[in-house]
Amino acid sequence: MIHVPAAADDLAKALAARADPEFAVRMQRYFPHEIKALGVSNAAVAEIAGHYFRERPGVPAATRLRLAEEVLARAEYHEEVLLGFAVLHKVARTGLGPELLDRCEHWLETYVSNWAQCDDMCLKLLYPFFLGHLELIPRTREWVGSPSPWVRRAANVAVVKFVRRKVGRTVFELPTSHVFGNCVRLMHDRDVYVQKGSGWLLKVTAEAHPDEVAEFLRTWHEEMPRDTFRYAVEKMDPPVRRSLMELGQG
């Protein structure tokens, strides 16, 4: 059994040892506002967490959850938030129950401060979690009403890999009503990253359901923000994309 505060200390030291100030400066170009960063790549953050638990096999998922809470509560740097999520990656699918969704919503509200942290949680923590808990995916629809822009963005980004996803021997299909319902409710959201999240989900959905997405865009193009529309048509067949872009420019 690990001692959670001491484990958080060890992880923080391992992360600080990989700091690269020059890389931290280069990272800034991906963000519209300055972030406080150590200069550690996402891959290196995941490697630190993985190495820690390889040396300490058998740490229960509940203990990892407490450790994640400790790391996040202490976080001062961008990568420390990512580390908090990385602590849970290997146990997300089978080791944690519905309570993780409530914790993720809280973390998005409290600790996440940029799009990269939001997407890291969605793709590296919530994605494996939902692979083991498909029945809980609809609960994320409640997130579109959150006062936090990162919760609202996560409502869409957390499900982009489930538009059509093979899970075991079955294919899970995210209903288009889920996709279109989210995007309508977020249609007038003023946060650009929420709008880009809607566009991302529509773009992925268009690969599986091109006709339905094209019709949705024709219906809503006058109200849809440009960022959402541009992302949504990005991978459509060129003739359809051109016709839709003409609508979007009208």
Protein backbone atom coordinates (compact mmCIF):
# COMPACT_ATOMS: atom_id res chain seq x y z
CA MET A 1 0.00 0.00 0.00
CA ILE A 2 1.30 3.43 -0.92
CA HIS A 3 1.10 6.54 1.24
CA VAL A 4 -0.81 9.00 -0.94
CA PRO A 5 0.92 12.30 0.04
CA ALA A 6 4.36 10.69 -0.30
CA ALA A 7 3.37 9.18 -3.64
CA ALA A 8 2.25 12.61 -4.86
CA ASP A 9 5.63 13.98 -3.78
CA ASP A 10 7.47 11.26 -5.70
CA LEU A 11 5.45 11.85 -8.86
CA ALA A 12 5.97 15.60 -8.65
CA LYS A 13 9.72 15.12 -8.33
CA ALA A 14 9.80 12.72 -11.29
CA LEU A 15 7.89 15.25 -13.37
CA ALA A 16 10.12 18.16 -12.36
CA ALA A 17 13.19 16.11 -13.28
CA ARG A 18 11.94 15.97 -16.89
CA ALA A 19 11.34 19.73 -17.13
CA ASP A 20 12.65 21.46 -20.26
CA PRO A 21 12.33 25.28 -20.11
CA GLU A 22 12.95 25.67 -23.84
CA PHE A 23 10.17 23.22 -24.66
CA ALA A 24 7.91 25.07 -22.20
CA VAL A 25 8.43 28.25 -24.21
CA ARG A 26 7.64 26.46 -27.49
CA MET A 27 4.44 25.02 -26.00
CA GLN A 28 2.99 28.49 -25.58
CA ARG A 29 2.25 28.87 -29.28
CA TYR A 30 -0.58 26.32 -28.98
CA PHE A 31 -2.47 28.41 -26.44
CA PRO A 32 -4.08 31.85 -26.77
CA HIS A 33 -3.11 32.71 -23.20
CA GLU A 34 0.09 32.00 -21.32
CA ILE A 35 0.12 28.73 -19.41
CA LYS A 36 2.40 27.80 -16.53
CA ALA A 37 4.30 24.82 -17.90
CA LEU A 38 7.35 22.75 -16.99
CA GLY A 39 8.03 21.72 -20.56
CA VAL A 40 7.26 17.99 -20.36
CA SER A 41 5.63 16.22 -23.29
CA ASN A 42 2.32 14.39 -22.94
CA ALA A 43 4.08 11.12 -23.73
CA ALA A 44 6.61 11.71 -20.97
CA VAL A 45 3.85 12.47 -18.47
CA ALA A 46 2.18 9.15 -19.30
CA GLU A 47 5.56 7.40 -19.05
CA ILE A 48 6.16 8.79 -15.56
CA ALA A 49 2.82 7.49 -14.31
CA GLY A 50 3.31 4.14 -16.01
CA HIS A 51 6.80 3.66 -14.58
CA TYR A 52 5.63 4.55 -11.09
CA PHE A 53 2.99 1.84 -11.05
CA ARG A 54 5.10 -0.77 -12.79
CA GLU A 55 7.41 -0.54 -9.79
CA ARG A 56 4.40 -0.77 -7.46
CA PRO A 57 2.05 -3.37 -8.94
CA GLY A 58 -1.27 -4.06 -7.34
CA VAL A 59 -2.13 -0.54 -6.19
CA PRO A 60 -5.96 -0.59 -5.91
CA ALA A 61 -7.99 1.63 -8.21
CA ALA A 62 -9.51 3.40 -5.18
CA THR A 63 -6.01 4.33 -3.98
CA ARG A 64 -5.11 5.60 -7.44
CA LEU A 65 -8.24 7.75 -7.36
CA ARG A 66 -7.17 9.30 -4.06
CA LEU A 67 -3.70 9.87 -5.50
CA ALA A 68 -5.17 11.55 -8.57
CA GLU A 69 -7.15 13.85 -6.29
CA GLU A 70 -3.98 14.70 -4.36
CA VAL A 71 -1.95 15.42 -7.50
CA LEU A 72 -4.69 17.62 -8.95
CA ALA A 73 -5.26 19.51 -5.71
CA ARG A 74 -1.55 20.40 -5.59
CA ALA A 75 -1.18 21.16 -9.30
CA GLU A 76 0.54 24.42 -10.20
CA TYR A 77 1.78 23.46 -13.66
CA HIS A 78 -0.04 22.35 -16.80
CA GLU A 79 1.65 18.94 -16.82
CA GLU A 80 0.69 18.22 -13.20
CA VAL A 81 -2.96 18.27 -14.25
CA LEU A 82 -2.18 15.80 -17.03
CA LEU A 83 -0.31 13.64 -14.51
CA GLY A 84 -3.38 13.51 -12.28
CA PHE A 85 -5.36 12.02 -15.16
CA ALA A 86 -2.51 9.68 -16.19
CA VAL A 87 -2.53 8.09 -12.74
CA LEU A 88 -5.96 6.62 -13.56
CA HIS A 89 -5.49 5.61 -17.19
CA LYS A 90 -4.78 1.91 -16.63
CA VAL A 91 -7.66 1.37 -14.20
CA ALA A 92 -10.29 3.52 -15.92
CA ARG A 93 -11.95 0.76 -17.94
CA THR A 94 -12.59 -1.82 -15.24
CA GLY A 95 -11.39 -0.47 -11.90
CA LEU A 96 -13.66 2.52 -11.44
CA GLY A 97 -17.43 2.93 -11.32
CA PRO A 98 -19.95 5.68 -12.09
CA GLU A 99 -18.45 7.92 -9.43
CA LEU A 100 -15.60 8.71 -11.83
CA LEU A 101 -17.97 10.75 -14.01
CA ASP A 102 -18.85 13.00 -11.10
CA ARG A 103 -15.17 13.41 -10.25
CA CYS A 104 -14.30 14.24 -13.87
CA GLU A 105 -16.99 16.90 -13.99
CA HIS A 106 -15.61 18.40 -10.78
CA TRP A 107 -12.04 18.29 -12.10
CA LEU A 108 -13.07 19.99 -15.33
CA GLU A 109 -14.71 22.75 -13.32
CA THR A 110 -11.93 23.09 -10.78
CA TYR A 111 -8.54 22.16 -12.25
CA VAL A 112 -8.78 22.23 -16.05
CA SER A 113 -7.80 25.59 -17.51
CA ASN A 114 -7.13 24.95 -21.22
CA TRP A 115 -8.30 22.88 -24.19
CA ALA A 116 -5.33 20.49 -24.00
CA GLN A 117 -6.11 19.43 -20.45
CA CYS A 118 -9.78 19.01 -21.33
CA ASP A 119 -9.00 16.84 -24.34
CA ASP A 120 -6.41 14.81 -22.46
CA MET A 121 -9.03 13.87 -19.89
CA CYS A 122 -11.56 13.05 -22.60
CA LEU A 123 -9.31 10.90 -24.78
CA LYS A 124 -7.01 9.27 -22.23
CA LEU A 125 -9.28 8.87 -19.20
CA LEU A 126 -12.93 9.05 -20.22
CA TYR A 127 -12.42 7.09 -23.44
CA PRO A 128 -11.10 3.93 -21.71
CA PHE A 129 -13.65 4.45 -18.93
CA PHE A 130 -16.54 4.47 -21.40
CA LEU A 131 -15.18 1.38 -23.17
CA GLY A 132 -16.05 -0.44 -19.96
CA HIS A 133 -19.20 1.57 -19.19
CA LEU A 134 -21.03 2.22 -22.45
CA GLU A 135 -24.32 2.59 -20.60
CA LEU A 136 -23.02 5.72 -18.87
CA ILE A 137 -22.27 7.68 -22.05
CA PRO A 138 -25.73 9.35 -22.12
CA ARG A 139 -24.98 10.99 -18.77
CA THR A 140 -22.54 13.34 -20.48
CA ARG A 141 -25.48 15.04 -22.21
CA GLU A 142 -26.14 16.78 -18.91
CA TRP A 143 -22.77 18.50 -19.26
CA VAL A 144 -23.93 20.82 -22.04
CA GLY A 145 -25.73 22.90 -19.40
CA SER A 146 -22.67 23.39 -17.20
CA PRO A 147 -21.42 26.90 -16.38
CA SER A 148 -17.88 25.62 -17.10
CA PRO A 149 -16.79 25.86 -20.76
CA TRP A 150 -14.49 22.88 -20.26
CA VAL A 151 -17.37 20.70 -19.08
CA ARG A 152 -19.41 21.84 -22.07
CA ARG A 153 -16.54 21.08 -24.47
CA ALA A 154 -16.05 17.68 -22.83
CA ALA A 155 -19.72 16.83 -23.44
CA ASN A 156 -18.78 16.47 -27.11
CA VAL A 157 -15.09 15.60 -27.08
CA ALA A 158 -15.60 12.73 -24.62
CA VAL A 159 -17.79 10.90 -27.15
CA VAL A 160 -16.01 11.58 -30.47
CA LYS A 161 -14.55 8.06 -30.49
CA PHE A 162 -17.97 6.49 -29.98
CA VAL A 163 -19.78 7.68 -33.08
CA ARG A 164 -19.05 4.22 -34.38
CA ARG A 165 -16.79 2.06 -32.23
CA LYS A 166 -16.18 -1.67 -32.10
CA VAL A 167 -16.17 -2.81 -28.48
CA GLY A 168 -15.36 -6.48 -28.17
CA ARG A 169 -17.47 -8.28 -30.76
CA THR A 170 -20.13 -5.62 -31.01
CA VAL A 171 -20.28 -2.21 -32.65
CA PHE A 172 -21.47 0.64 -30.48
CA GLU A 173 -23.18 3.44 -32.37
CA LEU A 174 -23.63 6.83 -30.72
CA PRO A 175 -27.12 7.96 -31.77
CA THR A 176 -27.19 10.91 -34.13
CA SER A 177 -29.90 12.33 -31.85
CA HIS A 178 -27.22 12.56 -29.14
CA VAL A 179 -24.85 14.40 -31.49
CA PHE A 180 -27.40 16.78 -32.97
CA GLY A 181 -29.07 17.40 -29.63
CA ASN A 182 -25.77 18.46 -28.06
CA CYS A 183 -24.87 20.69 -30.99
CA VAL A 184 -28.24 22.44 -31.03
CA ARG A 185 -28.08 23.15 -27.30
CA LEU A 186 -24.55 24.55 -27.71
CA MET A 187 -25.33 26.40 -30.95
CA HIS A 188 -25.07 29.86 -29.40
CA ASP A 189 -22.32 29.13 -26.90
CA ARG A 190 -19.89 32.05 -26.80
CA ASP A 191 -16.79 29.98 -26.04
CA VAL A 192 -14.73 29.24 -29.14
CA TYR A 193 -13.44 25.95 -27.76
CA VAL A 194 -16.95 24.73 -27.07
CA GLN A 195 -17.83 25.56 -30.67
CA LYS A 196 -14.75 23.77 -31.98
CA GLY A 197 -15.73 20.75 -29.88
CA SER A 198 -19.15 20.72 -31.55
CA GLY A 199 -17.52 20.98 -34.95
CA TRP A 200 -15.17 18.10 -34.13
CA LEU A 201 -18.06 15.85 -33.13
CA LEU A 202 -20.00 16.76 -36.28
CA LYS A 203 -16.93 16.12 -38.44
CA VAL A 204 -16.48 12.63 -37.01
CA THR A 205 -20.20 11.94 -37.28
CA ALA A 206 -20.14 13.00 -40.94
CA GLU A 207 -17.74 10.17 -41.73
CA ALA A 208 -20.34 7.64 -40.56
CA HIS A 209 -23.53 9.54 -41.37
CA PRO A 210 -22.70 12.02 -44.17
CA ASP A 211 -26.26 12.61 -45.39
CA GLU A 212 -27.66 13.23 -41.91
CA VAL A 213 -24.90 15.68 -41.02
CA ALA A 214 -25.22 17.50 -44.35
CA GLU A 215 -28.94 17.94 -43.75
CA PHE A 216 -28.28 19.15 -40.20
CA LEU A 217 -25.84 21.76 -41.53
CA ARG A 218 -28.28 22.90 -44.20
CA THR A 219 -30.94 23.34 -41.53
CA TRP A 220 -28.80 25.23 -39.04
CA HIS A 221 -26.17 27.02 -41.14
CA GLU A 222 -27.64 30.47 -40.55
CA GLU A 223 -27.32 30.11 -36.76
CA MET A 224 -24.19 27.98 -36.56
CA PRO A 225 -20.92 29.74 -35.65
CA ARG A 226 -18.27 29.73 -38.35
CA ASP A 227 -15.79 27.66 -36.31
CA THR A 228 -18.33 24.89 -35.79
CA PHE A 229 -19.39 24.88 -39.44
CA ARG A 230 -15.84 24.90 -40.79
CA TYR A 231 -14.79 21.96 -38.62
CA ALA A 232 -17.93 20.01 -39.45
CA VAL A 233 -17.43 20.06 -43.25
CA GLU A 234 -13.68 19.50 -43.18
CA LYS A 235 -13.67 15.83 -44.29
CA MET A 236 -16.85 15.68 -46.36
CA ASP A 237 -16.80 14.72 -50.02
CA PRO A 238 -15.53 17.77 -51.97
CA PRO A 239 -18.76 18.47 -53.94
CA VAL A 240 -20.87 18.33 -50.78
CA ARG A 241 -18.35 20.39 -48.86
CA ARG A 242 -18.33 23.06 -51.57
CA SER A 243 -22.12 23.30 -51.64
CA LEU A 244 -22.28 23.56 -47.87
CA MET A 245 -19.53 26.14 -47.73
CA GLU A 246 -21.49 28.27 -50.18
CA LEU A 247 -24.39 28.16 -47.72
CA GLY A 248 -22.07 29.01 -44.84
CA GLN A 249 -20.80 32.06 -46.70
CA GLY A 250 -24.28 33.25 -47.60
